[in-house]
Amino acid sequence: MTEKEQYIKMSNCPEIQGGWVPKVGDLTNAGIIDIIREGIIYLSGLGGNCYTQNTLKWLPRQGQLQDMVVQGSTEYNLQLGFNHWLTKFACSETGYKPLEIMMFSMRQLWLAFVMWKLHKKKWNGTEWYTEL
């Protein structure tokens, strides 16, 4: 599975899709939003394809993911929180341990951080789950 395919699968969850209000410039599984008019979404490029929100999957950019968890915090504190989570996620008391599932990009890592921070969920390679 490519990074893009995995990211689409990771982003396709109610926690991410449910909070999406489409905006010009948003990245989706079908392309970048160019125009939104009366609930119809037009993507950039040739072809004139039009969609509705429920036919697209939003692929949040790293900055959009960071905005989800910043909540009054400074960028410095956000980065510290991410670094702390990453250290806890990838290391144990006995030293390095491999990530549960390979992440291919920073946006995948940030999405995993958002899901853990806001929903206490982890990615197992197929779906988000809550650790008991």
Protein backbone atom coordinates (compact mmCIF):
# COMPACT_ATOMS: atom_id res chain seq x y z
CA MET A 1 0.00 0.00 0.00
CA THR A 2 1.41 3.41 -0.94
CA GLU A 3 1.69 6.31 1.51
CA LYS A 4 -1.23 8.06 -0.21
CA GLU A 5 -3.45 4.96 -0.10
CA GLN A 6 -2.67 4.41 3.58
CA TYR A 7 -3.29 8.08 4.40
CA ILE A 8 -6.67 8.01 2.63
CA LYS A 9 -7.60 4.93 4.64
CA MET A 10 -6.41 6.52 7.91
CA SER A 11 -8.31 9.76 7.20
CA ASN A 12 -11.54 7.96 6.33
CA CYS A 13 -12.97 7.87 9.85
CA PRO A 14 -15.89 9.68 11.50
CA GLU A 15 -13.59 11.60 13.85
CA ILE A 16 -11.84 13.32 10.92
CA GLN A 17 -14.54 13.39 8.23
CA GLY A 18 -17.30 14.43 10.65
CA GLY A 19 -15.60 17.72 11.52
CA TRP A 20 -14.80 18.73 7.95
CA VAL A 21 -16.24 21.91 6.53
CA PRO A 22 -14.95 22.03 2.93
CA LYS A 23 -12.86 25.06 1.97
CA VAL A 24 -11.17 26.13 -1.25
CA GLY A 25 -7.68 24.62 -1.26
CA ASP A 26 -8.58 21.53 0.80
CA LEU A 27 -7.00 18.30 -0.39
CA THR A 28 -9.37 15.39 -1.03
CA ASN A 29 -9.01 11.85 -2.32
CA ALA A 30 -10.01 13.13 -5.78
CA GLY A 31 -7.98 16.37 -5.90
CA ILE A 32 -7.81 19.93 -4.58
CA ILE A 33 -10.99 21.95 -4.07
CA ASP A 34 -11.08 24.92 -6.44
CA ILE A 35 -14.66 26.23 -6.16
CA ILE A 36 -17.57 25.61 -3.79
CA ARG A 37 -20.93 26.87 -4.99
CA GLU A 38 -24.32 26.02 -3.48
CA GLY A 39 -23.06 22.76 -1.95
CA ILE A 40 -21.37 21.63 -5.16
CA ILE A 41 -17.60 21.17 -4.97
CA TYR A 42 -15.46 21.65 -8.06
CA LEU A 43 -11.90 20.37 -8.11
CA SER A 44 -8.97 22.06 -9.80
CA GLY A 45 -7.76 20.82 -13.14
CA LEU A 46 -9.40 19.99 -16.40
CA GLY A 47 -12.52 17.92 -16.68
CA GLY A 48 -15.00 19.95 -14.67
CA ASN A 49 -15.83 17.17 -12.23
CA CYS A 50 -18.23 18.19 -9.50
CA TYR A 51 -18.89 16.51 -6.18
CA THR A 52 -20.81 16.86 -2.97
CA GLN A 53 -19.14 16.68 0.42
CA ASN A 54 -20.32 13.13 1.12
CA THR A 55 -18.69 11.82 -2.09
CA LEU A 56 -15.21 13.09 -1.15
CA LYS A 57 -12.78 12.13 1.58
CA TRP A 58 -10.88 14.99 3.18
CA LEU A 59 -7.13 14.50 3.51
CA PRO A 60 -6.04 17.04 6.11
CA ARG A 61 -2.70 18.72 5.57
CA GLN A 62 -0.17 18.75 8.39
CA GLY A 63 -1.05 22.34 9.33
CA GLN A 64 -4.75 21.47 9.52
CA LEU A 65 -3.95 18.52 11.77
CA GLN A 66 -1.87 20.75 14.03
CA ASP A 67 -4.75 23.27 14.20
CA MET A 68 -7.01 20.49 15.51
CA VAL A 69 -4.88 19.98 18.62
CA VAL A 70 -3.39 23.43 19.25
CA GLN A 71 -6.45 24.66 21.27
CA GLY A 72 -4.95 27.77 22.86
CA SER A 73 -1.49 26.23 23.17
CA THR A 74 1.60 27.77 21.66
CA GLU A 75 3.30 26.17 18.67
CA TYR A 76 6.22 25.41 20.98
CA ASN A 77 4.01 23.50 23.44
CA LEU A 78 2.29 21.71 20.56
CA GLN A 79 5.67 20.54 19.26
CA LEU A 80 6.69 19.45 22.77
CA GLY A 81 3.45 17.45 23.09
CA PHE A 82 4.04 15.81 19.72
CA ASN A 83 7.65 14.97 20.61
CA HIS A 84 6.59 13.54 23.98
CA TRP A 85 3.90 11.40 22.31
CA LEU A 86 6.33 10.22 19.62
CA THR A 87 8.94 9.27 22.22
CA LYS A 88 6.33 7.39 24.25
CA PHE A 89 4.91 5.79 21.09
CA ALA A 90 8.27 4.64 19.73
CA CYS A 91 10.26 3.97 22.90
CA SER A 92 9.84 1.94 26.06
CA GLU A 93 11.67 1.68 29.37
CA THR A 94 13.92 -0.96 27.86
CA GLY A 95 14.85 1.20 24.88
CA TYR A 96 13.71 1.49 21.28
CA LYS A 97 10.70 -0.47 20.09
CA PRO A 98 9.41 -0.37 16.51
CA LEU A 99 6.24 1.51 15.70
CA GLU A 100 3.17 -0.68 15.81
CA ILE A 101 2.60 -0.01 12.13
CA MET A 102 4.92 1.70 9.69
CA MET A 103 4.16 5.37 9.10
CA PHE A 104 5.51 6.71 5.82
CA SER A 105 5.08 10.46 6.28
CA MET A 106 4.90 13.23 8.84
CA ARG A 107 1.22 13.78 8.04
CA GLN A 108 0.52 10.15 8.97
CA LEU A 109 2.37 10.64 12.25
CA TRP A 110 0.47 13.89 12.92
CA LEU A 111 -2.84 12.19 12.11
CA ALA A 112 -1.96 9.40 14.54
CA PHE A 113 -1.08 12.05 17.15
CA VAL A 114 -4.40 13.87 16.60
CA MET A 115 -6.38 10.64 16.92
CA TRP A 116 -4.53 9.71 20.12
CA LYS A 117 -4.70 13.20 21.65
CA LEU A 118 -8.37 13.88 20.87
CA HIS A 119 -9.89 10.38 20.79
CA LYS A 120 -7.36 8.08 22.51
CA LYS A 121 -7.24 5.86 19.41
CA LYS A 122 -4.35 4.04 17.73
CA TRP A 123 -3.91 2.84 14.16
CA ASN A 124 -3.29 -0.89 13.64
CA GLY A 125 -2.76 -0.76 9.88
CA THR A 126 -6.42 -1.37 9.09
CA GLU A 127 -8.52 0.72 11.47
CA TRP A 128 -8.48 3.01 14.48
CA TYR A 129 -9.04 1.27 17.79
CA THR A 130 -9.32 2.27 21.44
CA GLU A 131 -6.82 0.56 23.67
CA LEU A 132 -8.45 -0.85 26.80
